């Protein structure tokens, strides 16, 4: 299993609409990419104002999702909720 995390670093002058992100953007991404699970973080303390974590069965299923015709819509929608350049991390999930 892999986890794709998208982090939004906090910086002076950055803006982020958490309500829009939860109600519109993340559901659009879920429709486009069909992750097995999705969690949203609202930053309280630390270097990020928000993050989303999506799990996929494999790198192949994630890459297939990224090939969705809706991926362009997901990327274009970023400007509707933030002026932050997101940072992505892909990790293998290892159970403890």
C-alpha atoms as a PDB file:
ATOM      1  CA  UNK A   1       0.000   0.000   0.000  1.00  0.00           C
ATOM      2  CA  UNK A   2       1.170   3.542  -0.646  1.00  0.00           C
ATOM      3  CA  UNK A   3       0.181   6.876   0.830  1.00  0.00           C
ATOM      4  CA  UNK A   4       0.203  10.025  -1.249  1.00  0.00           C
ATOM      5  CA  UNK A   5       0.390  13.103   0.956  1.00  0.00           C
ATOM      6  CA  UNK A   6       0.004  16.670  -0.222  1.00  0.00           C
ATOM      7  CA  UNK A   7       1.248  19.283   2.251  1.00  0.00           C
ATOM      8  CA  UNK A   8       0.581  23.029   2.184  1.00  0.00           C
ATOM      9  CA  UNK A   9       3.478  24.898   3.830  1.00  0.00           C
ATOM     10  CA  UNK A  10       2.623  27.948   5.886  1.00  0.00           C
ATOM     11  CA  UNK A  11       4.289  31.205   4.942  1.00  0.00           C
ATOM     12  CA  UNK A  12       3.735  34.901   5.350  1.00  0.00           C
ATOM     13  CA  UNK A  13       0.871  36.019   3.127  1.00  0.00           C
ATOM     14  CA  UNK A  14      -0.353  32.503   2.418  1.00  0.00           C
ATOM     15  CA  UNK A  15      -4.097  31.869   2.214  1.00  0.00           C
ATOM     16  CA  UNK A  16      -6.064  28.633   2.485  1.00  0.00           C
ATOM     17  CA  UNK A  17      -9.842  28.091   2.441  1.00  0.00           C
ATOM     18  CA  UNK A  18     -10.334  24.953   4.554  1.00  0.00           C
ATOM     19  CA  UNK A  19     -14.102  24.802   3.992  1.00  0.00           C
ATOM     20  CA  UNK A  20     -13.734  24.861   0.188  1.00  0.00           C
ATOM     21  CA  UNK A  21     -10.922  22.315   0.365  1.00  0.00           C
ATOM     22  CA  UNK A  22     -13.046  19.857   2.360  1.00  0.00           C
ATOM     23  CA  UNK A  23     -16.342  20.408   0.530  1.00  0.00           C
ATOM     24  CA  UNK A  24     -15.154  20.779  -3.076  1.00  0.00           C
ATOM     25  CA  UNK A  25     -11.504  20.109  -3.827  1.00  0.00           C
ATOM     26  CA  UNK A  26     -10.886  16.867  -1.945  1.00  0.00           C
ATOM     27  CA  UNK A  27     -14.141  15.266  -3.204  1.00  0.00           C
ATOM     28  CA  UNK A  28     -13.093  16.200  -6.765  1.00  0.00           C
ATOM     29  CA  UNK A  29      -9.689  14.562  -6.228  1.00  0.00           C
ATOM     30  CA  UNK A  30     -11.346  11.468  -4.749  1.00  0.00           C
ATOM     31  CA  UNK A  31     -13.675  11.205  -7.755  1.00  0.00           C
ATOM     32  CA  UNK A  32     -10.728  11.559 -10.146  1.00  0.00           C
ATOM     33  CA  UNK A  33      -8.288   9.177  -8.453  1.00  0.00           C
ATOM     34  CA  UNK A  34     -10.398   6.694  -6.414  1.00  0.00           C
ATOM     35  CA  UNK A  35      -8.136   6.281  -3.358  1.00  0.00           C
ATOM     36  CA  UNK A  36      -8.940   3.513  -0.873  1.00  0.00           C
ATOM     37  CA  UNK A  37      -9.003   6.069   1.972  1.00  0.00           C
ATOM     38  CA  UNK A  38      -8.572   9.805   2.455  1.00  0.00           C
ATOM     39  CA  UNK A  39      -7.792  11.934   5.508  1.00  0.00           C
ATOM     40  CA  UNK A  40      -7.553  15.726   5.735  1.00  0.00           C
ATOM     41  CA  UNK A  41      -5.317  17.516   8.249  1.00  0.00           C
ATOM     42  CA  UNK A  42      -6.034  21.053   9.438  1.00  0.00           C
ATOM     43  CA  UNK A  43      -2.764  22.404  10.792  1.00  0.00           C
ATOM     44  CA  UNK A  44      -2.802  23.518  14.411  1.00  0.00           C
ATOM     45  CA  UNK A  45       0.910  23.838  15.083  1.00  0.00           C
ATOM     46  CA  UNK A  46       3.814  23.195  12.771  1.00  0.00           C
ATOM     47  CA  UNK A  47       5.016  24.095   9.294  1.00  0.00           C
ATOM     48  CA  UNK A  48       1.831  23.178   7.359  1.00  0.00           C
ATOM     49  CA  UNK A  49      -1.606  24.842   7.274  1.00  0.00           C
ATOM     50  CA  UNK A  50      -3.188  21.709   5.815  1.00  0.00           C
ATOM     51  CA  UNK A  51      -2.511  18.321   4.270  1.00  0.00           C
ATOM     52  CA  UNK A  52      -4.386  15.486   2.631  1.00  0.00           C
ATOM     53  CA  UNK A  53      -3.364  11.838   2.758  1.00  0.00           C
ATOM     54  CA  UNK A  54      -4.729   9.344   0.239  1.00  0.00           C
ATOM     55  CA  UNK A  55      -3.942   5.647   0.272  1.00  0.00           C
ATOM     56  CA  UNK A  56      -3.810   3.417  -2.782  1.00  0.00           C
ATOM     57  CA  UNK A  57      -3.333  -0.340  -3.111  1.00  0.00           C
ATOM     58  CA  UNK A  58      -0.177   0.155  -5.178  1.00  0.00           C
ATOM     59  CA  UNK A  59       1.871   2.636  -7.162  1.00  0.00           C
ATOM     60  CA  UNK A  60       0.174   1.263 -10.277  1.00  0.00           C
ATOM     61  CA  UNK A  61      -3.304   2.116  -8.975  1.00  0.00           C
ATOM     62  CA  UNK A  62      -2.140   5.617  -8.029  1.00  0.00           C
ATOM     63  CA  UNK A  63      -0.593   6.171 -11.468  1.00  0.00           C
ATOM     64  CA  UNK A  64      -3.752   4.877 -13.157  1.00  0.00           C
ATOM     65  CA  UNK A  65      -5.768   7.373 -11.122  1.00  0.00           C
ATOM     66  CA  UNK A  66      -3.478  10.212 -12.145  1.00  0.00           C
ATOM     67  CA  UNK A  67      -4.313   9.314 -15.749  1.00  0.00           C
ATOM     68  CA  UNK A  68      -7.950  10.262 -15.137  1.00  0.00           C
ATOM     69  CA  UNK A  69      -9.431  12.913 -17.441  1.00  0.00           C
ATOM     70  CA  UNK A  70     -10.413  14.785 -14.241  1.00  0.00           C
ATOM     71  CA  UNK A  71      -6.783  15.285 -13.135  1.00  0.00           C
ATOM     72  CA  UNK A  72      -6.594  18.558 -15.076  1.00  0.00           C
ATOM     73  CA  UNK A  73      -9.702  19.802 -13.263  1.00  0.00           C
ATOM     74  CA  UNK A  74      -8.157  18.879  -9.897  1.00  0.00           C
ATOM     75  CA  UNK A  75      -4.967  20.783 -10.682  1.00  0.00           C
ATOM     76  CA  UNK A  76      -6.825  23.830 -12.034  1.00  0.00           C
ATOM     77  CA  UNK A  77      -8.984  23.942  -8.890  1.00  0.00           C
ATOM     78  CA  UNK A  78      -6.026  24.620  -6.566  1.00  0.00           C
ATOM     79  CA  UNK A  79      -6.228  28.365  -7.297  1.00  0.00           C
ATOM     80  CA  UNK A  80      -9.783  28.377  -5.901  1.00  0.00           C
ATOM     81  CA  UNK A  81      -8.680  27.664  -2.314  1.00  0.00           C
ATOM     82  CA  UNK A  82      -5.018  28.600  -1.850  1.00  0.00           C
ATOM     83  CA  UNK A  83      -2.049  30.593  -3.088  1.00  0.00           C
ATOM     84  CA  UNK A  84       0.340  28.010  -1.605  1.00  0.00           C
ATOM     85  CA  UNK A  85       2.429  25.742  -3.823  1.00  0.00           C
ATOM     86  CA  UNK A  86       1.716  22.246  -2.471  1.00  0.00           C
ATOM     87  CA  UNK A  87       4.420  19.686  -1.696  1.00  0.00           C
ATOM     88  CA  UNK A  88       3.746  16.022  -2.488  1.00  0.00           C
ATOM     89  CA  UNK A  89       5.228  12.973  -0.822  1.00  0.00           C
ATOM     90  CA  UNK A  90       4.643   9.358  -1.843  1.00  0.00           C
ATOM     91  CA  UNK A  91       5.453   6.751   0.783  1.00  0.00           C
ATOM     92  CA  UNK A  92       5.182   3.018   1.237  1.00  0.00           C
ATOM     93  CA  UNK A  93       2.927   2.231   4.202  1.00  0.00           C
ATOM     94  CA  UNK A  94       4.473  -0.294   6.582  1.00  0.00           C
ATOM     95  CA  UNK A  95       2.319  -1.559   9.413  1.00  0.00           C
ATOM     96  CA  UNK A  96       3.927  -1.383  12.851  1.00  0.00           C
END
